[in-house]
Amino acid sequence: MEIIRNQEFGGERPLFARHNIKLENVTIHAGESALKECSDIDAIGCCFEGKYPFWHVDRFSITDCIFTEGARAALWYSRNIHMKSTLVEAPKMFRDMNGIRLTDVKIPNAQETLWHCTDIEADNVSVEHADYIFMHCADIKLNNWSQQGNYSFQYCHNVEIHNAKIDSKDAFWNTENVTVYDTELTGEYLGWYSNNLRLVRCKISGTQPLCYCKNLILEDCIFEPDSDLAFEESYVDAKVNSMITSVKNPTSGIIRAKGYGEIILDDNIKAPANCKIETI
């Protein structure tokens, strides 16, 4: 493996189509596509300042690096990356990619990040300003995930999340096959139009959660007082270990909770309109 150490590059495509190289303490200054069409790249302690540094790259690792704000859209159309202990200040990271591993990563400006990606695993990752993160992604596993940003996980498939804090309006819309364990979910309109959404030991906050859902399952969850007007037009099997402020027109299934502030069953309820609502 060729080692490139303590050097600086700029301009357009300075390391184009290079293979089997290690970058140590390298700075990529303003420019475009520094490592386009490369493979088998290890970057350690590097700083990326220019746009689009990793496009069409296969098999690469990024450790103890920094992507400044100028390195926007840094990783697109690439495969098989492991990013570790890295600060990503640039927006619009990770597009049309497969095989993403993130460990101990911070992304404080995660706007429009992780779109159209598959096979994603993340552990101990925090993202902020993450509007529209994970748009149209699939096969996702997250652990110790911390997120602030709205409209997340829309149109995602096959998602598993453990021990997370997710602050997101309109999270999990139009998703399929999502399971979330031991997580704090804060935000309005959680999970609308989802199919096979399962929440286990989660704390839920925000108005009108879990409406228009199919095959919705809740196991030992907690509803905060602001989680009102829940389950409208949903097919639900729920066990809630708290009061629910209000339930409105669930379509079918069973809801069990410690109590209810209000149960609304009006002329707008959809057939078969046979959901059981019980107190435990």
C-alpha atoms as a PDB file:
ATOM      1  CA  MET A   1       0.000   0.000   0.000  1.00  0.00           C
ATOM      2  CA  GLU A   2       1.340   3.421  -0.974  1.00  0.00           C
ATOM      3  CA  ILE A   3       1.488   5.910   1.936  1.00  0.00           C
ATOM      4  CA  ILE A   4       0.933   9.618   1.363  1.00  0.00           C
ATOM      5  CA  ARG A   5       1.812  11.532   4.530  1.00  0.00           C
ATOM      6  CA  ASN A   6       1.828  15.211   5.585  1.00  0.00           C
ATOM      7  CA  GLN A   7       0.887  16.588   2.187  1.00  0.00           C
ATOM      8  CA  GLU A   8      -1.665  19.088   0.856  1.00  0.00           C
ATOM      9  CA  PHE A   9      -3.696  18.905  -2.337  1.00  0.00           C
ATOM     10  CA  GLY A  10      -6.161  21.232  -4.072  1.00  0.00           C
ATOM     11  CA  GLY A  11      -7.805  21.874  -7.383  1.00  0.00           C
ATOM     12  CA  GLU A  12      -9.749  19.338  -9.401  1.00  0.00           C
ATOM     13  CA  ARG A  13      -9.178  15.567  -9.075  1.00  0.00           C
ATOM     14  CA  PRO A  14      -5.647  15.632  -7.597  1.00  0.00           C
ATOM     15  CA  LEU A  15      -5.809  11.933  -6.665  1.00  0.00           C
ATOM     16  CA  PHE A  16      -8.126  10.721  -9.410  1.00  0.00           C
ATOM     17  CA  ALA A  17      -8.390   6.943  -9.927  1.00  0.00           C
ATOM     18  CA  ARG A  18      -5.778   6.056  -7.320  1.00  0.00           C
ATOM     19  CA  HIS A  19      -5.966   2.654  -5.652  1.00  0.00           C
ATOM     20  CA  ASN A  20      -4.563   0.977  -2.541  1.00  0.00           C
ATOM     21  CA  ILE A  21      -3.268   4.096  -0.792  1.00  0.00           C
ATOM     22  CA  LYS A  22      -3.099   5.346   2.797  1.00  0.00           C
ATOM     23  CA  LEU A  23      -3.491   9.044   3.527  1.00  0.00           C
ATOM     24  CA  GLU A  24      -2.003  10.226   6.827  1.00  0.00           C
ATOM     25  CA  ASN A  25      -2.351  13.842   7.965  1.00  0.00           C
ATOM     26  CA  VAL A  26      -3.318  14.966   4.484  1.00  0.00           C
ATOM     27  CA  THR A  27      -5.295  18.141   3.757  1.00  0.00           C
ATOM     28  CA  ILE A  28      -7.562  18.399   0.728  1.00  0.00           C
ATOM     29  CA  HIS A  29      -8.064  22.110   0.067  1.00  0.00           C
ATOM     30  CA  ALA A  30     -10.734  23.812  -2.041  1.00  0.00           C
ATOM     31  CA  GLY A  31     -11.431  22.078  -5.310  1.00  0.00           C
ATOM     32  CA  GLU A  32     -13.527  19.194  -6.558  1.00  0.00           C
ATOM     33  CA  SER A  33     -13.515  15.394  -6.614  1.00  0.00           C
ATOM     34  CA  ALA A  34     -10.137  14.810  -4.966  1.00  0.00           C
ATOM     35  CA  LEU A  35     -10.490  11.007  -4.769  1.00  0.00           C
ATOM     36  CA  LYS A  36     -12.994  10.246  -7.499  1.00  0.00           C
ATOM     37  CA  GLU A  37     -13.050   6.725  -8.992  1.00  0.00           C
ATOM     38  CA  CYS A  38     -10.717   5.313  -6.328  1.00  0.00           C
ATOM     39  CA  SER A  39     -10.662   2.103  -4.284  1.00  0.00           C
ATOM     40  CA  ASP A  40      -8.996   0.655  -1.182  1.00  0.00           C
ATOM     41  CA  ILE A  41      -8.327   3.986   0.507  1.00  0.00           C
ATOM     42  CA  ASP A  42      -7.445   4.510   4.193  1.00  0.00           C
ATOM     43  CA  ALA A  43      -7.616   8.116   5.407  1.00  0.00           C
ATOM     44  CA  ILE A  44      -6.293   8.814   8.929  1.00  0.00           C
ATOM     45  CA  GLY A  45      -6.110  12.235  10.573  1.00  0.00           C
ATOM     46  CA  CYS A  46      -7.009  14.067   7.374  1.00  0.00           C
ATOM     47  CA  CYS A  47      -8.904  17.292   6.713  1.00  0.00           C
ATOM     48  CA  PHE A  48     -11.246  17.579   3.730  1.00  0.00           C
ATOM     49  CA  GLU A  49     -12.155  21.136   2.680  1.00  0.00           C
ATOM     50  CA  GLY A  50     -13.048  20.765  -1.006  1.00  0.00           C
ATOM     51  CA  LYS A  51     -16.297  19.569  -2.567  1.00  0.00           C
ATOM     52  CA  TYR A  52     -17.115  15.981  -3.541  1.00  0.00           C
ATOM     53  CA  PRO A  53     -13.899  14.301  -2.302  1.00  0.00           C
ATOM     54  CA  PHE A  54     -15.208  10.696  -2.326  1.00  0.00           C
ATOM     55  CA  TRP A  55     -17.382   9.977  -5.367  1.00  0.00           C
ATOM     56  CA  HIS A  56     -17.540   6.539  -6.990  1.00  0.00           C
ATOM     57  CA  VAL A  57     -15.172   5.034  -4.407  1.00  0.00           C
ATOM     58  CA  ASP A  58     -15.129   1.392  -3.258  1.00  0.00           C
ATOM     59  CA  ARG A  59     -13.663  -0.030  -0.040  1.00  0.00           C
ATOM     60  CA  PHE A  60     -12.410   2.862   2.063  1.00  0.00           C
ATOM     61  CA  SER A  61     -12.016   3.837   5.701  1.00  0.00           C
ATOM     62  CA  ILE A  62     -11.985   7.291   7.261  1.00  0.00           C
ATOM     63  CA  THR A  63     -10.615   7.626  10.816  1.00  0.00           C
ATOM     64  CA  ASP A  64     -10.041  10.700  13.015  1.00  0.00           C
ATOM     65  CA  CYS A  65     -10.798  13.033  10.126  1.00  0.00           C
ATOM     66  CA  ILE A  66     -12.637  16.332   9.666  1.00  0.00           C
ATOM     67  CA  PHE A  67     -14.936  17.311   6.809  1.00  0.00           C
ATOM     68  CA  THR A  68     -15.332  21.083   6.902  1.00  0.00           C
ATOM     69  CA  GLU A  69     -18.469  22.839   5.684  1.00  0.00           C
ATOM     70  CA  GLY A  70     -16.867  23.320   2.292  1.00  0.00           C
ATOM     71  CA  ALA A  71     -16.662  19.558   1.753  1.00  0.00           C
ATOM     72  CA  ARG A  72     -20.383  19.383   0.973  1.00  0.00           C
ATOM     73  CA  ALA A  73     -21.775  16.308  -0.751  1.00  0.00           C
ATOM     74  CA  ALA A  74     -18.552  14.529   0.158  1.00  0.00           C
ATOM     75  CA  LEU A  75     -19.558  10.866  -0.166  1.00  0.00           C
ATOM     76  CA  TRP A  76     -21.834   9.929  -3.064  1.00  0.00           C
ATOM     77  CA  TYR A  77     -22.208   6.898  -5.346  1.00  0.00           C
ATOM     78  CA  SER A  78     -19.733   4.882  -3.274  1.00  0.00           C
ATOM     79  CA  ARG A  79     -19.605   1.489  -1.523  1.00  0.00           C
ATOM     80  CA  ASN A  80     -18.172  -0.159   1.559  1.00  0.00           C
ATOM     81  CA  ILE A  81     -17.073   2.640   3.866  1.00  0.00           C
ATOM     82  CA  HIS A  82     -16.205   2.573   7.580  1.00  0.00           C
ATOM     83  CA  MET A  83     -16.055   6.046   9.124  1.00  0.00           C
ATOM     84  CA  LYS A  84     -14.729   6.245  12.708  1.00  0.00           C
ATOM     85  CA  SER A  85     -14.136   9.045  15.232  1.00  0.00           C
ATOM     86  CA  THR A  86     -14.798  11.715  12.628  1.00  0.00           C
ATOM     87  CA  LEU A  87     -16.402  15.165  12.647  1.00  0.00           C
ATOM     88  CA  VAL A  88     -18.568  15.959   9.631  1.00  0.00           C
ATOM     89  CA  GLU A  89     -19.470  19.652   9.376  1.00  0.00           C
ATOM     90  CA  ALA A  90     -20.510  19.390   5.727  1.00  0.00           C
ATOM     91  CA  PRO A  91     -24.161  18.904   4.704  1.00  0.00           C
ATOM     92  CA  LYS A  92     -25.630  16.457   2.194  1.00  0.00           C
ATOM     93  CA  MET A  93     -23.376  13.521   3.030  1.00  0.00           C
ATOM     94  CA  PHE A  94     -23.952   9.946   1.811  1.00  0.00           C
ATOM     95  CA  ARG A  95     -26.088   9.620  -1.335  1.00  0.00           C
ATOM     96  CA  ASP A  96     -26.817   6.525  -3.410  1.00  0.00           C
ATOM     97  CA  MET A  97     -24.421   4.372  -1.387  1.00  0.00           C
ATOM     98  CA  ASN A  98     -24.261   0.783  -0.166  1.00  0.00           C
ATOM     99  CA  GLY A  99     -22.381  -0.600   2.832  1.00  0.00           C
ATOM    100  CA  ILE A 100     -21.994   2.278   5.309  1.00  0.00           C
ATOM    101  CA  ARG A 101     -20.505   1.773   8.803  1.00  0.00           C
ATOM    102  CA  LEU A 102     -20.352   4.740  11.184  1.00  0.00           C
ATOM    103  CA  THR A 103     -18.735   4.575  14.646  1.00  0.00           C
ATOM    104  CA  ASP A 104     -18.294   7.528  17.033  1.00  0.00           C
ATOM    105  CA  VAL A 105     -19.210  10.093  14.390  1.00  0.00           C
ATOM    106  CA  LYS A 106     -20.632  13.600  14.887  1.00  0.00           C
ATOM    107  CA  ILE A 107     -22.579  15.365  12.119  1.00  0.00           C
ATOM    108  CA  PRO A 108     -23.732  18.775  13.411  1.00  0.00           C
ATOM    109  CA  ASN A 109     -25.124  19.888  10.039  1.00  0.00           C
ATOM    110  CA  ALA A 110     -26.833  16.727   8.758  1.00  0.00           C
ATOM    111  CA  GLN A 111     -29.311  18.392   6.424  1.00  0.00           C
ATOM    112  CA  GLU A 112     -30.340  16.110   3.540  1.00  0.00           C
ATOM    113  CA  THR A 113     -27.921  13.410   4.652  1.00  0.00           C
ATOM    114  CA  LEU A 114     -28.180   9.683   3.883  1.00  0.00           C
ATOM    115  CA  TRP A 115     -30.496   9.575   0.865  1.00  0.00           C
ATOM    116  CA  HIS A 116     -31.098   6.478  -1.254  1.00  0.00           C
ATOM    117  CA  CYS A 117     -28.611   4.371   0.714  1.00  0.00           C
ATOM    118  CA  THR A 118     -28.729   0.706   1.743  1.00  0.00           C
ATOM    119  CA  ASP A 119     -26.959  -1.499   4.282  1.00  0.00           C
ATOM    120  CA  ILE A 120     -26.266   1.122   6.955  1.00  0.00           C
ATOM    121  CA  GLU A 121     -24.967   0.487  10.480  1.00  0.00           C
ATOM    122  CA  ALA A 122     -24.226   3.200  13.026  1.00  0.00           C
ATOM    123  CA  ASP A 123     -23.072   3.089  16.655  1.00  0.00           C
ATOM    124  CA  ASN A 124     -22.675   6.093  18.933  1.00  0.00           C
ATOM    125  CA  VAL A 125     -23.496   8.685  16.279  1.00  0.00           C
ATOM    126  CA  SER A 126     -25.049  12.107  16.835  1.00  0.00           C
ATOM    127  CA  VAL A 127     -26.667  14.268  14.156  1.00  0.00           C
ATOM    128  CA  GLU A 128     -28.157  17.753  14.357  1.00  0.00           C
ATOM    129  CA  HIS A 129     -30.109  19.939  11.935  1.00  0.00           C
ATOM    130  CA  ALA A 130     -30.905  16.637  10.257  1.00  0.00           C
ATOM    131  CA  ASP A 131     -33.975  17.563   8.226  1.00  0.00           C
ATOM    132  CA  TYR A 132     -34.919  14.790   5.783  1.00  0.00           C
ATOM    133  CA  ILE A 133     -32.206  12.415   6.972  1.00  0.00           C
ATOM    134  CA  PHE A 134     -32.531   8.800   5.713  1.00  0.00           C
ATOM    135  CA  MET A 135     -34.842   9.595   2.803  1.00  0.00           C
ATOM    136  CA  HIS A 136     -35.614   6.410   0.807  1.00  0.00           C
ATOM    137  CA  CYS A 137     -33.055   4.248   2.658  1.00  0.00           C
ATOM    138  CA  ALA A 138     -33.206   0.531   3.497  1.00  0.00           C
ATOM    139  CA  ASP A 139     -31.569  -2.067   5.733  1.00  0.00           C
ATOM    140  CA  ILE A 140     -30.603   0.225   8.598  1.00  0.00           C
ATOM    141  CA  LYS A 141     -29.306  -0.688  12.083  1.00  0.00           C
ATOM    142  CA  LEU A 142     -28.697   2.084  14.619  1.00  0.00           C
ATOM    143  CA  ASN A 143     -27.475   1.904  18.226  1.00  0.00           C
ATOM    144  CA  ASN A 144     -26.870   4.816  20.613  1.00  0.00           C
ATOM    145  CA  TRP A 145     -28.197   7.174  17.956  1.00  0.00           C
ATOM    146  CA  SER A 146     -28.892  10.830  18.854  1.00  0.00           C
ATOM    147  CA  GLN A 147     -30.829  12.975  16.400  1.00  0.00           C
ATOM    148  CA  GLN A 148     -32.332  16.443  16.083  1.00  0.00           C
ATOM    149  CA  GLY A 149     -34.003  17.173  12.769  1.00  0.00           C
ATOM    150  CA  ASN A 150     -37.432  16.839  11.180  1.00  0.00           C
ATOM    151  CA  TYR A 151     -38.965  14.598   8.501  1.00  0.00           C
ATOM    152  CA  SER A 152     -36.588  11.725   9.191  1.00  0.00           C
ATOM    153  CA  PHE A 153     -36.690   8.133   7.932  1.00  0.00           C
ATOM    154  CA  GLN A 154     -39.350   8.861   5.325  1.00  0.00           C
ATOM    155  CA  TYR A 155     -39.989   5.973   2.923  1.00  0.00           C
ATOM    156  CA  CYS A 156     -37.456   3.727   4.690  1.00  0.00           C
ATOM    157  CA  HIS A 157     -37.621  -0.081   4.769  1.00  0.00           C
ATOM    158  CA  ASN A 158     -36.169  -2.627   7.176  1.00  0.00           C
ATOM    159  CA  VAL A 159     -34.957  -0.447  10.048  1.00  0.00           C
ATOM    160  CA  GLU A 160     -33.837  -1.506  13.553  1.00  0.00           C
ATOM    161  CA  ILE A 161     -33.026   1.108  16.203  1.00  0.00           C
ATOM    162  CA  HIS A 162     -31.777   0.617  19.788  1.00  0.00           C
ATOM    163  CA  ASN A 163     -31.153   3.085  22.632  1.00  0.00           C
ATOM    164  CA  ALA A 164     -31.762   6.280  20.705  1.00  0.00           C
ATOM    165  CA  LYS A 165     -33.020   9.813  21.200  1.00  0.00           C
ATOM    166  CA  ILE A 166     -34.901  11.032  18.154  1.00  0.00           C
ATOM    167  CA  ASP A 167     -36.303  14.577  18.089  1.00  0.00           C
ATOM    168  CA  SER A 168     -38.112  14.747  14.773  1.00  0.00           C
ATOM    169  CA  LYS A 169     -41.425  16.003  13.494  1.00  0.00           C
ATOM    170  CA  ASP A 170     -42.966  13.605  10.959  1.00  0.00           C
ATOM    171  CA  ALA A 171     -40.559  10.737  11.727  1.00  0.00           C
ATOM    172  CA  PHE A 172     -41.105   7.330  10.081  1.00  0.00           C
ATOM    173  CA  TRP A 173     -43.718   8.442   7.540  1.00  0.00           C
ATOM    174  CA  ASN A 174     -44.514   5.844   4.865  1.00  0.00           C
ATOM    175  CA  THR A 175     -42.024   3.392   6.344  1.00  0.00           C
ATOM    176  CA  GLU A 176     -42.212  -0.389   6.245  1.00  0.00           C
ATOM    177  CA  ASN A 177     -40.768  -2.953   8.650  1.00  0.00           C
ATOM    178  CA  VAL A 178     -39.343  -0.654  11.334  1.00  0.00           C
ATOM    179  CA  THR A 179     -38.612  -1.748  14.922  1.00  0.00           C
ATOM    180  CA  VAL A 180     -37.494   0.707  17.600  1.00  0.00           C
ATOM    181  CA  TYR A 181     -36.299  -0.366  21.086  1.00  0.00           C
ATOM    182  CA  ASP A 182     -35.715   1.669  24.262  1.00  0.00           C
ATOM    183  CA  THR A 183     -35.871   5.029  22.533  1.00  0.00           C
ATOM    184  CA  GLU A 184     -37.192   8.519  23.265  1.00  0.00           C
ATOM    185  CA  LEU A 185     -39.311   9.708  20.342  1.00  0.00           C
ATOM    186  CA  THR A 186     -40.118  13.419  20.419  1.00  0.00           C
ATOM    187  CA  GLY A 187     -42.046  15.200  17.684  1.00  0.00           C
ATOM    188  CA  GLU A 188     -45.439  15.679  16.120  1.00  0.00           C
ATOM    189  CA  TYR A 189     -47.190  13.219  13.789  1.00  0.00           C
ATOM    190  CA  LEU A 190     -45.019  10.202  14.529  1.00  0.00           C
ATOM    191  CA  GLY A 191     -45.218   7.251  12.152  1.00  0.00           C
ATOM    192  CA  TRP A 192     -48.097   8.316   9.912  1.00  0.00           C
ATOM    193  CA  TYR A 193     -48.886   5.950   7.011  1.00  0.00           C
ATOM    194  CA  SER A 194     -46.381   3.351   8.243  1.00  0.00           C
ATOM    195  CA  ASN A 195     -46.712  -0.402   7.785  1.00  0.00           C
ATOM    196  CA  ASN A 196     -45.260  -2.849  10.308  1.00  0.00           C
ATOM    197  CA  LEU A 197     -43.976  -0.242  12.752  1.00  0.00           C
ATOM    198  CA  ARG A 198     -43.105  -1.802  16.130  1.00  0.00           C
ATOM    199  CA  LEU A 199     -42.144   0.273  19.178  1.00  0.00           C
ATOM    200  CA  VAL A 200     -40.756  -1.531  22.238  1.00  0.00           C
ATOM    201  CA  ARG A 201     -40.247   0.247  25.605  1.00  0.00           C
ATOM    202  CA  CYS A 202     -40.279   3.642  23.910  1.00  0.00           C
ATOM    203  CA  LYS A 203     -41.241   7.032  25.346  1.00  0.00           C
ATOM    204  CA  ILE A 204     -43.469   8.983  22.966  1.00  0.00           C
ATOM    205  CA  SER A 205     -44.006  12.747  22.994  1.00  0.00           C
ATOM    206  CA  GLY A 206     -45.849  14.975  20.529  1.00  0.00           C
ATOM    207  CA  THR A 207     -49.354  15.491  19.236  1.00  0.00           C
ATOM    208  CA  GLN A 208     -51.260  13.067  16.991  1.00  0.00           C
ATOM    209  CA  PRO A 209     -48.860  10.136  17.066  1.00  0.00           C
ATOM    210  CA  LEU A 210     -49.266   6.901  15.138  1.00  0.00           C
ATOM    211  CA  CYS A 211     -52.184   7.705  12.857  1.00  0.00           C
ATOM    212  CA  TYR A 212     -53.078   6.001   9.570  1.00  0.00           C
ATOM    213  CA  CYS A 213     -50.838   3.031  10.431  1.00  0.00           C
ATOM    214  CA  LYS A 214     -51.184  -0.592   9.377  1.00  0.00           C
ATOM    215  CA  ASN A 215     -49.944  -3.459  11.553  1.00  0.00           C
ATOM    216  CA  LEU A 216     -48.802  -1.099  14.311  1.00  0.00           C
ATOM    217  CA  ILE A 217     -47.435  -2.730  17.495  1.00  0.00           C
ATOM    218  CA  LEU A 218     -46.529  -1.026  20.782  1.00  0.00           C
ATOM    219  CA  GLU A 219     -45.012  -3.008  23.660  1.00  0.00           C
ATOM    220  CA  ASP A 220     -44.642  -1.435  27.115  1.00  0.00           C
ATOM    221  CA  CYS A 221     -44.411   2.116  25.837  1.00  0.00           C
ATOM    222  CA  ILE A 222     -44.969   5.398  27.681  1.00  0.00           C
ATOM    223  CA  PHE A 223     -47.026   8.315  26.352  1.00  0.00           C
ATOM    224  CA  GLU A 224     -46.236  11.828  27.536  1.00  0.00           C
ATOM    225  CA  PRO A 225     -49.222  14.140  28.263  1.00  0.00           C
ATOM    226  CA  ASP A 226     -48.791  16.044  24.969  1.00  0.00           C
ATOM    227  CA  SER A 227     -49.297  12.841  22.959  1.00  0.00           C
ATOM    228  CA  ASP A 228     -52.970  13.395  22.245  1.00  0.00           C
ATOM    229  CA  LEU A 229     -55.355  12.316  19.458  1.00  0.00           C
ATOM    230  CA  ALA A 230     -53.461   9.074  18.977  1.00  0.00           C
ATOM    231  CA  PHE A 231     -54.114   6.149  16.629  1.00  0.00           C
ATOM    232  CA  GLU A 232     -56.595   7.746  14.216  1.00  0.00           C
ATOM    233  CA  GLU A 233     -57.424   5.307  11.386  1.00  0.00           C
ATOM    234  CA  SER A 234     -54.785   2.836  12.607  1.00  0.00           C
ATOM    235  CA  TYR A 235     -54.766  -0.940  12.849  1.00  0.00           C
ATOM    236  CA  VAL A 236     -53.060  -1.289  16.202  1.00  0.00           C
ATOM    237  CA  ASP A 237     -52.002  -3.699  18.931  1.00  0.00           C
ATOM    238  CA  ALA A 238     -50.742  -1.521  21.797  1.00  0.00           C
ATOM    239  CA  LYS A 239     -49.763  -1.958  25.416  1.00  0.00           C
ATOM    240  CA  VAL A 240     -49.049   1.425  26.994  1.00  0.00           C
ATOM    241  CA  ASN A 241     -47.745   1.624  30.564  1.00  0.00           C
ATOM    242  CA  SER A 242     -49.111   5.132  31.146  1.00  0.00           C
ATOM    243  CA  MET A 243     -52.163   7.310  30.654  1.00  0.00           C
ATOM    244  CA  ILE A 244     -53.031   8.352  27.109  1.00  0.00           C
ATOM    245  CA  THR A 245     -54.379  11.884  26.911  1.00  0.00           C
ATOM    246  CA  SER A 246     -56.741  11.058  24.058  1.00  0.00           C
ATOM    247  CA  VAL A 247     -57.428   8.327  21.518  1.00  0.00           C
ATOM    248  CA  LYS A 248     -59.290   9.210  18.329  1.00  0.00           C
ATOM    249  CA  ASN A 249     -61.094   6.840  15.947  1.00  0.00           C
ATOM    250  CA  PRO A 250     -58.758   3.826  15.769  1.00  0.00           C
ATOM    251  CA  THR A 251     -59.870   1.505  12.982  1.00  0.00           C
ATOM    252  CA  SER A 252     -59.191  -1.950  14.407  1.00  0.00           C
ATOM    253  CA  GLY A 253     -57.140  -3.956  16.928  1.00  0.00           C
ATOM    254  CA  ILE A 254     -56.660  -3.438  20.653  1.00  0.00           C
ATOM    255  CA  ILE A 255     -55.293  -0.637  22.837  1.00  0.00           C
ATOM    256  CA  ARG A 256     -54.434  -1.270  26.487  1.00  0.00           C
ATOM    257  CA  ALA A 257     -53.329   1.595  28.724  1.00  0.00           C
ATOM    258  CA  LYS A 258     -53.391   2.623  32.370  1.00  0.00           C
ATOM    259  CA  GLY A 259     -56.095   5.137  31.587  1.00  0.00           C
ATOM    260  CA  TYR A 260     -57.450   7.626  29.074  1.00  0.00           C
ATOM    261  CA  GLY A 261     -58.179  11.305  29.349  1.00  0.00           C
ATOM    262  CA  GLU A 262     -60.611  11.112  26.423  1.00  0.00           C
ATOM    263  CA  ILE A 263     -61.760   8.498  23.923  1.00  0.00           C
ATOM    264  CA  ILE A 264     -63.181  10.012  20.738  1.00  0.00           C
ATOM    265  CA  LEU A 265     -65.322   7.727  18.587  1.00  0.00           C
ATOM    266  CA  ASP A 266     -67.358   9.871  16.208  1.00  0.00           C
ATOM    267  CA  ASP A 267     -69.068   9.594  12.829  1.00  0.00           C
ATOM    268  CA  ASN A 268     -65.727   9.814  11.018  1.00  0.00           C
ATOM    269  CA  ILE A 269     -64.445   6.465  12.312  1.00  0.00           C
ATOM    270  CA  LYS A 270     -63.471   4.058   9.526  1.00  0.00           C
ATOM    271  CA  ALA A 271     -64.786   0.513   9.169  1.00  0.00           C
ATOM    272  CA  PRO A 272     -64.545  -2.013  10.667  1.00  0.00           C
ATOM    273  CA  ALA A 273     -64.444   0.345  13.696  1.00  0.00           C
ATOM    274  CA  ASN A 274     -63.990  -2.577  16.087  1.00  0.00           C
ATOM    275  CA  CYS A 275     -60.851  -1.596  18.023  1.00  0.00           C
ATOM    276  CA  LYS A 276     -60.981  -2.647  21.664  1.00  0.00           C
ATOM    277  CA  ILE A 277     -59.890   0.022  24.139  1.00  0.00           C
ATOM    278  CA  GLU A 278     -59.080  -1.397  27.559  1.00  0.00           C
ATOM    279  CA  THR A 279     -57.639  -0.235  30.885  1.00  0.00           C
ATOM    280  CA  ILE A 280     -54.858  -2.257  32.507  1.00  0.00           C
END
